PDB file of N, CA and C in Angstrom:
ATOM      1  N   UNK A   1       1.356  -1.338   0.552  1.00  0.00           N
ATOM      2  CA  UNK A   1       0.020  -0.086  -0.111  1.00  0.00           C
ATOM      3  C   UNK A   1       0.991   1.410  -0.028  1.00  0.00           C
ATOM      4  N   UNK A   2       0.153   1.922  -1.074  1.00  0.00           N
ATOM      5  CA  UNK A   2       1.447   3.588  -1.122  1.00  0.00           C
ATOM      6  C   UNK A   2       1.018   4.454   0.144  1.00  0.00           C
ATOM      7  N   UNK A   3       1.740   5.074   0.792  1.00  0.00           N
ATOM      8  CA  UNK A   3       0.816   6.497   1.154  1.00  0.00           C
ATOM      9  C   UNK A   3       0.786   7.497   0.249  1.00  0.00           C
ATOM     10  N   UNK A   4      -0.011   8.862   0.724  1.00  0.00           N
ATOM     11  CA  UNK A   4      -0.098   9.431   0.102  1.00  0.00           C
ATOM     12  C   UNK A   4       0.839  10.491   0.876  1.00  0.00           C
ATOM     13  N   UNK A   5       1.148  11.475  -0.281  1.00  0.00           N
ATOM     14  CA  UNK A   5       1.664  12.443   0.496  1.00  0.00           C
ATOM     15  C   UNK A   5       0.837  13.627   1.074  1.00  0.00           C
ATOM     16  N   UNK A   6       1.411  13.978   2.225  1.00  0.00           N
ATOM     17  CA  UNK A   6       0.508  14.989   2.733  1.00  0.00           C
ATOM     18  C   UNK A   6       0.919  16.422   2.647  1.00  0.00           C
ATOM     19  N   UNK A   7       0.165  17.882   3.436  1.00  0.00           N
ATOM     20  CA  UNK A   7       1.302  18.319   3.311  1.00  0.00           C
ATOM     21  C   UNK A   7       0.784  18.974   5.178  1.00  0.00           C
ATOM     22  N   UNK A   8       1.870  19.177   5.044  1.00  0.00           N
ATOM     23  CA  UNK A   8       2.252  19.451   7.201  1.00  0.00           C
ATOM     24  C   UNK A   8       2.393  21.759   6.956  1.00  0.00           C
ATOM     25  N   UNK A   9       1.678  21.483   8.558  1.00  0.00           N
ATOM     26  CA  UNK A   9       1.875  22.890   8.855  1.00  0.00           C
ATOM     27  C   UNK A   9       3.327  23.235   9.167  1.00  0.00           C
ATOM     28  N   UNK A  10       3.235  24.399   9.542  1.00  0.00           N
ATOM     29  CA  UNK A  10       5.118  24.601  10.134  1.00  0.00           C
ATOM     30  C   UNK A  10       5.194  24.457  11.709  1.00  0.00           C
ATOM     31  N   UNK A  11       3.855  23.899  12.472  1.00  0.00           N
ATOM     32  CA  UNK A  11       3.956  24.042  13.564  1.00  0.00           C
ATOM     33  C   UNK A  11       4.238  21.803  13.545  1.00  0.00           C
ATOM     34  N   UNK A  12       3.547  21.463  12.884  1.00  0.00           N
ATOM     35  CA  UNK A  12       3.818  19.728  12.117  1.00  0.00           C
ATOM     36  C   UNK A  12       5.741  19.420  11.908  1.00  0.00           C
ATOM     37  N   UNK A  13       6.033  20.237  10.881  1.00  0.00           N
ATOM     38  CA  UNK A  13       7.029  20.928  10.480  1.00  0.00           C
ATOM     39  C   UNK A  13       8.223  21.013  11.941  1.00  0.00           C
ATOM     40  N   UNK A  14       7.973  21.766  12.273  1.00  0.00           N
ATOM     41  CA  UNK A  14       9.438  21.762  13.400  1.00  0.00           C
ATOM     42  C   UNK A  14       8.681  21.089  14.603  1.00  0.00           C
ATOM     43  N   UNK A  15       7.658  20.045  15.017  1.00  0.00           N
ATOM     44  CA  UNK A  15       8.027  18.958  15.848  1.00  0.00           C
ATOM     45  C   UNK A  15       8.756  17.160  15.203  1.00  0.00           C
ATOM     46  N   UNK A  16       8.363  17.678  13.506  1.00  0.00           N
ATOM     47  CA  UNK A  16       9.200  16.497  12.842  1.00  0.00           C
ATOM     48  C   UNK A  16      10.797  17.159  13.061  1.00  0.00           C
ATOM     49  N   UNK A  17      10.802  18.099  13.555  1.00  0.00           N
ATOM     50  CA  UNK A  17      12.983  18.311  13.270  1.00  0.00           C
ATOM     51  C   UNK A  17      12.939  18.418  14.647  1.00  0.00           C
ATOM     52  N   UNK A  18      11.808  17.897  15.598  1.00  0.00           N
ATOM     53  CA  UNK A  18      12.251  17.915  17.341  1.00  0.00           C
ATOM     54  C   UNK A  18      12.575  19.509  18.039  1.00  0.00           C
ATOM     55  N   UNK A  19      11.725  19.650  17.094  1.00  0.00           N
ATOM     56  CA  UNK A  19      11.310  20.647  18.315  1.00  0.00           C
ATOM     57  C   UNK A  19      12.470  22.306  18.062  1.00  0.00           C
ATOM     58  N   UNK A  20      12.304  23.086  16.702  1.00  0.00           N
ATOM     59  CA  UNK A  20      13.112  23.618  16.005  1.00  0.00           C
ATOM     60  C   UNK A  20      12.189  24.812  16.393  1.00  0.00           C
ATOM     61  N   UNK A  21      12.588  26.262  16.845  1.00  0.00           N
ATOM     62  CA  UNK A  21      11.609  27.308  16.584  1.00  0.00           C
ATOM     63  C   UNK A  21      11.407  27.850  15.133  1.00  0.00           C
ATOM     64  N   UNK A  22       9.835  28.497  15.899  1.00  0.00           N
ATOM     65  CA  UNK A  22       9.590  28.865  14.504  1.00  0.00           C
ATOM     66  C   UNK A  22      10.542  30.556  13.964  1.00  0.00           C
ATOM     67  N   UNK A  23      11.197  30.533  15.110  1.00  0.00           N
ATOM     68  CA  UNK A  23      12.223  32.172  14.185  1.00  0.00           C
ATOM     69  C   UNK A  23      13.401  31.253  13.635  1.00  0.00           C
ATOM     70  N   UNK A  24      13.790  30.043  14.367  1.00  0.00           N
ATOM     71  CA  UNK A  24      14.988  29.372  13.510  1.00  0.00           C
ATOM     72  C   UNK A  24      14.344  28.871  11.973  1.00  0.00           C
ATOM     73  N   UNK A  25      13.415  28.486  11.723  1.00  0.00           N
ATOM     74  CA  UNK A  25      12.713  28.075  10.370  1.00  0.00           C
ATOM     75  C   UNK A  25      12.761  29.185   9.540  1.00  0.00           C
ATOM     76  N   UNK A  26      12.062  29.925   9.684  1.00  0.00           N
ATOM     77  CA  UNK A  26      11.994  31.201   9.220  1.00  0.00           C
ATOM     78  C   UNK A  26      12.697  32.075   8.914  1.00  0.00           C
ATOM     79  N   UNK A  27      14.006  31.818   9.975  1.00  0.00           N
ATOM     80  CA  UNK A  27      15.759  32.705   8.927  1.00  0.00           C
ATOM     81  C   UNK A  27      16.243  31.129   8.362  1.00  0.00           C
ATOM     82  N   UNK A  28      16.062  29.940   8.760  1.00  0.00           N
ATOM     83  CA  UNK A  28      16.034  29.203   7.236  1.00  0.00           C
ATOM     84  C   UNK A  28      15.579  29.500   5.732  1.00  0.00           C
ATOM     85  N   UNK A  29      14.361  29.503   6.003  1.00  0.00           N
ATOM     86  CA  UNK A  29      13.773  29.927   4.804  1.00  0.00           C
ATOM     87  C   UNK A  29      14.055  31.040   4.377  1.00  0.00           C
ATOM     88  N   UNK A  30      14.642  32.763   5.056  1.00  0.00           N
ATOM     89  CA  UNK A  30      15.316  33.675   4.530  1.00  0.00           C
ATOM     90  C   UNK A  30      16.701  33.428   3.434  1.00  0.00           C
ATOM     91  N   UNK A  31      17.269  32.411   4.189  1.00  0.00           N
ATOM     92  CA  UNK A  31      18.568  31.725   3.667  1.00  0.00           C
ATOM     93  C   UNK A  31      18.684  30.765   2.653  1.00  0.00           C
ATOM     94  N   UNK A  32      16.730  30.783   2.140  1.00  0.00           N
ATOM     95  CA  UNK A  32      17.535  29.546   1.453  1.00  0.00           C
ATOM     96  C   UNK A  32      17.604  28.032   1.391  1.00  0.00           C
ATOM     97  N   UNK A  33      17.516  28.201   3.446  1.00  0.00           N
ATOM     98  CA  UNK A  33      18.175  26.603   3.424  1.00  0.00           C
ATOM     99  C   UNK A  33      17.124  25.644   3.981  1.00  0.00           C
ATOM    100  N   UNK A  34      16.373  26.002   3.962  1.00  0.00           N
ATOM    101  CA  UNK A  34      14.328  25.469   4.509  1.00  0.00           C
ATOM    102  C   UNK A  34      14.230  24.967   3.423  1.00  0.00           C
ATOM    103  N   UNK A  35      13.156  22.914   3.997  1.00  0.00           N
ATOM    104  CA  UNK A  35      12.753  23.114   2.680  1.00  0.00           C
ATOM    105  C   UNK A  35      11.474  23.533   1.798  1.00  0.00           C
ATOM    106  N   UNK A  36      11.323  22.735   0.719  1.00  0.00           N
ATOM    107  CA  UNK A  36      10.558  23.731   0.111  1.00  0.00           C
ATOM    108  C   UNK A  36       9.347  23.605   0.449  1.00  0.00           C
ATOM    109  N   UNK A  37       8.591  25.105  -0.316  1.00  0.00           N
ATOM    110  CA  UNK A  37       7.108  25.499   1.676  1.00  0.00           C
ATOM    111  C   UNK A  37       6.407  25.610  -0.207  1.00  0.00           C
ATOM    112  N   UNK A  38       4.909  25.493   0.734  1.00  0.00           N
ATOM    113  CA  UNK A  38       4.180  25.742  -0.685  1.00  0.00           C
ATOM    114  C   UNK A  38       3.518  27.249   0.348  1.00  0.00           C
ATOM    115  N   UNK A  39       3.192  28.128  -0.288  1.00  0.00           N
ATOM    116  CA  UNK A  39       2.238  29.267   0.428  1.00  0.00           C
ATOM    117  C   UNK A  39       1.369  28.963  -0.098  1.00  0.00           C
ATOM    118  N   UNK A  40      -0.095  28.981   0.609  1.00  0.00           N
ATOM    119  CA  UNK A  40      -1.042  28.779   0.226  1.00  0.00           C
ATOM    120  C   UNK A  40      -1.723  30.876  -0.023  1.00  0.00           C
ATOM    121  N   UNK A  41      -3.268  30.393  -0.853  1.00  0.00           N
ATOM    122  CA  UNK A  41      -3.791  32.154  -0.747  1.00  0.00           C
ATOM    123  C   UNK A  41      -3.894  33.465   0.209  1.00  0.00           C
ATOM    124  N   UNK A  42      -4.411  32.400   1.822  1.00  0.00           N
ATOM    125  CA  UNK A  42      -4.035  33.418   2.369  1.00  0.00           C
ATOM    126  C   UNK A  42      -2.890  33.357   3.285  1.00  0.00           C
ATOM    127  N   UNK A  43      -1.796  33.725   2.709  1.00  0.00           N
ATOM    128  CA  UNK A  43      -0.421  33.360   3.088  1.00  0.00           C
ATOM    129  C   UNK A  43       0.219  32.285   4.473  1.00  0.00           C
ATOM    130  N   UNK A  44       0.021  31.445   4.827  1.00  0.00           N
ATOM    131  CA  UNK A  44      -0.067  30.239   5.849  1.00  0.00           C
ATOM    132  C   UNK A  44       0.985  29.273   4.996  1.00  0.00           C
ATOM    133  N   UNK A  45       2.426  29.018   4.896  1.00  0.00           N
ATOM    134  CA  UNK A  45       2.904  27.899   4.662  1.00  0.00           C
ATOM    135  C   UNK A  45       3.036  25.985   4.517  1.00  0.00           C
ATOM    136  N   UNK A  46       2.030  25.853   3.538  1.00  0.00           N
ATOM    137  CA  UNK A  46       2.410  24.055   3.652  1.00  0.00           C
ATOM    138  C   UNK A  46       3.646  24.065   3.594  1.00  0.00           C
ATOM    139  N   UNK A  47       4.235  22.374   3.693  1.00  0.00           N
ATOM    140  CA  UNK A  47       5.722  22.005   2.633  1.00  0.00           C
ATOM    141  C   UNK A  47       4.888  19.908   3.125  1.00  0.00           C
ATOM    142  N   UNK A  48       5.292  19.687   1.693  1.00  0.00           N
ATOM    143  CA  UNK A  48       4.403  18.141   1.706  1.00  0.00           C
ATOM    144  C   UNK A  48       5.301  17.070   2.259  1.00  0.00           C
ATOM    145  N   UNK A  49       4.786  16.293   2.646  1.00  0.00           N
ATOM    146  CA  UNK A  49       5.860  15.648   3.967  1.00  0.00           C
ATOM    147  C   UNK A  49       7.519  15.334   2.660  1.00  0.00           C
ATOM    148  N   UNK A  50       7.353  14.578   1.433  1.00  0.00           N
ATOM    149  CA  UNK A  50       7.434  14.057   0.722  1.00  0.00           C
ATOM    150  C   UNK A  50       8.783  15.071   0.823  1.00  0.00           C
ATOM    151  N   UNK A  51       8.458  16.269   0.465  1.00  0.00           N
ATOM    152  CA  UNK A  51       9.747  17.353   0.027  1.00  0.00           C
ATOM    153  C   UNK A  51      11.036  17.248   1.848  1.00  0.00           C
ATOM    154  N   UNK A  52       9.951  17.257   2.770  1.00  0.00           N
ATOM    155  CA  UNK A  52      10.774  17.240   4.079  1.00  0.00           C
ATOM    156  C   UNK A  52      11.592  16.009   3.691  1.00  0.00           C
ATOM    157  N   UNK A  53      10.996  15.426   3.444  1.00  0.00           N
ATOM    158  CA  UNK A  53      11.816  14.126   3.850  1.00  0.00           C
ATOM    159  C   UNK A  53      13.109  14.150   2.784  1.00  0.00           C
ATOM    160  N   UNK A  54      12.491  14.218   1.922  1.00  0.00           N
ATOM    161  CA  UNK A  54      13.988  14.958   0.662  1.00  0.00           C
ATOM    162  C   UNK A  54      15.143  15.103   0.949  1.00  0.00           C
ATOM    163  N   UNK A  55      14.544  17.000   1.789  1.00  0.00           N
ATOM    164  CA  UNK A  55      15.461  17.879   2.367  1.00  0.00           C
ATOM    165  C   UNK A  55      16.311  17.532   3.595  1.00  0.00           C
ATOM    166  N   UNK A  56      15.842  16.356   3.939  1.00  0.00           N
ATOM    167  CA  UNK A  56      16.289  15.678   5.534  1.00  0.00           C
ATOM    168  C   UNK A  56      17.178  14.929   4.825  1.00  0.00           C
ATOM    169  N   UNK A  57      17.160  13.877   3.561  1.00  0.00           N
ATOM    170  CA  UNK A  57      18.265  13.070   3.234  1.00  0.00           C
ATOM    171  C   UNK A  57      19.391  14.103   2.961  1.00  0.00           C
ATOM    172  N   UNK A  58      18.487  15.318   1.922  1.00  0.00           N
ATOM    173  CA  UNK A  58      20.019  15.465   1.332  1.00  0.00           C
ATOM    174  C   UNK A  58      21.552  15.921   2.163  1.00  0.00           C
ATOM    175  N   UNK A  59      20.605  16.190   3.502  1.00  0.00           N
ATOM    176  CA  UNK A  59      21.622  16.908   4.906  1.00  0.00           C
ATOM    177  C   UNK A  59      21.689  15.991   5.383  1.00  0.00           C
ATOM    178  N   UNK A  60      21.809  14.750   5.385  1.00  0.00           N
ATOM    179  CA  UNK A  60      22.653  13.449   5.758  1.00  0.00           C
ATOM    180  C   UNK A  60      23.850  13.576   5.505  1.00  0.00           C
ATOM    181  N   UNK A  61      24.961  13.044   6.269  1.00  0.00           N
ATOM    182  CA  UNK A  61      26.439  12.962   6.559  1.00  0.00           C
ATOM    183  C   UNK A  61      26.730  11.610   6.630  1.00  0.00           C
ATOM    184  N   UNK A  62      28.201  11.935   6.168  1.00  0.00           N
ATOM    185  CA  UNK A  62      28.664  10.776   6.119  1.00  0.00           C
ATOM    186  C   UNK A  62      29.118  10.689   7.338  1.00  0.00           C
ATOM    187  N   UNK A  63      29.166   8.722   7.926  1.00  0.00           N
ATOM    188  CA  UNK A  63      30.269   9.314   9.662  1.00  0.00           C
ATOM    189  C   UNK A  63      31.516   8.913   8.940  1.00  0.00           C
TER     190      UNK A  63
END
């Protein structure tokens, strides 16, 4: 069974990242270092779970 992708809210993304602060997340966005976001017409941000996973994978370091 394939799991459907889902849009995550910023608080959900912060929780997935282990409690990163909202301020840090928006700073990463300013620096172009945050995961790809979707801006809704009401200006709220969402992140596809698949984009968050890909972003995390791209930051993996070799031990």
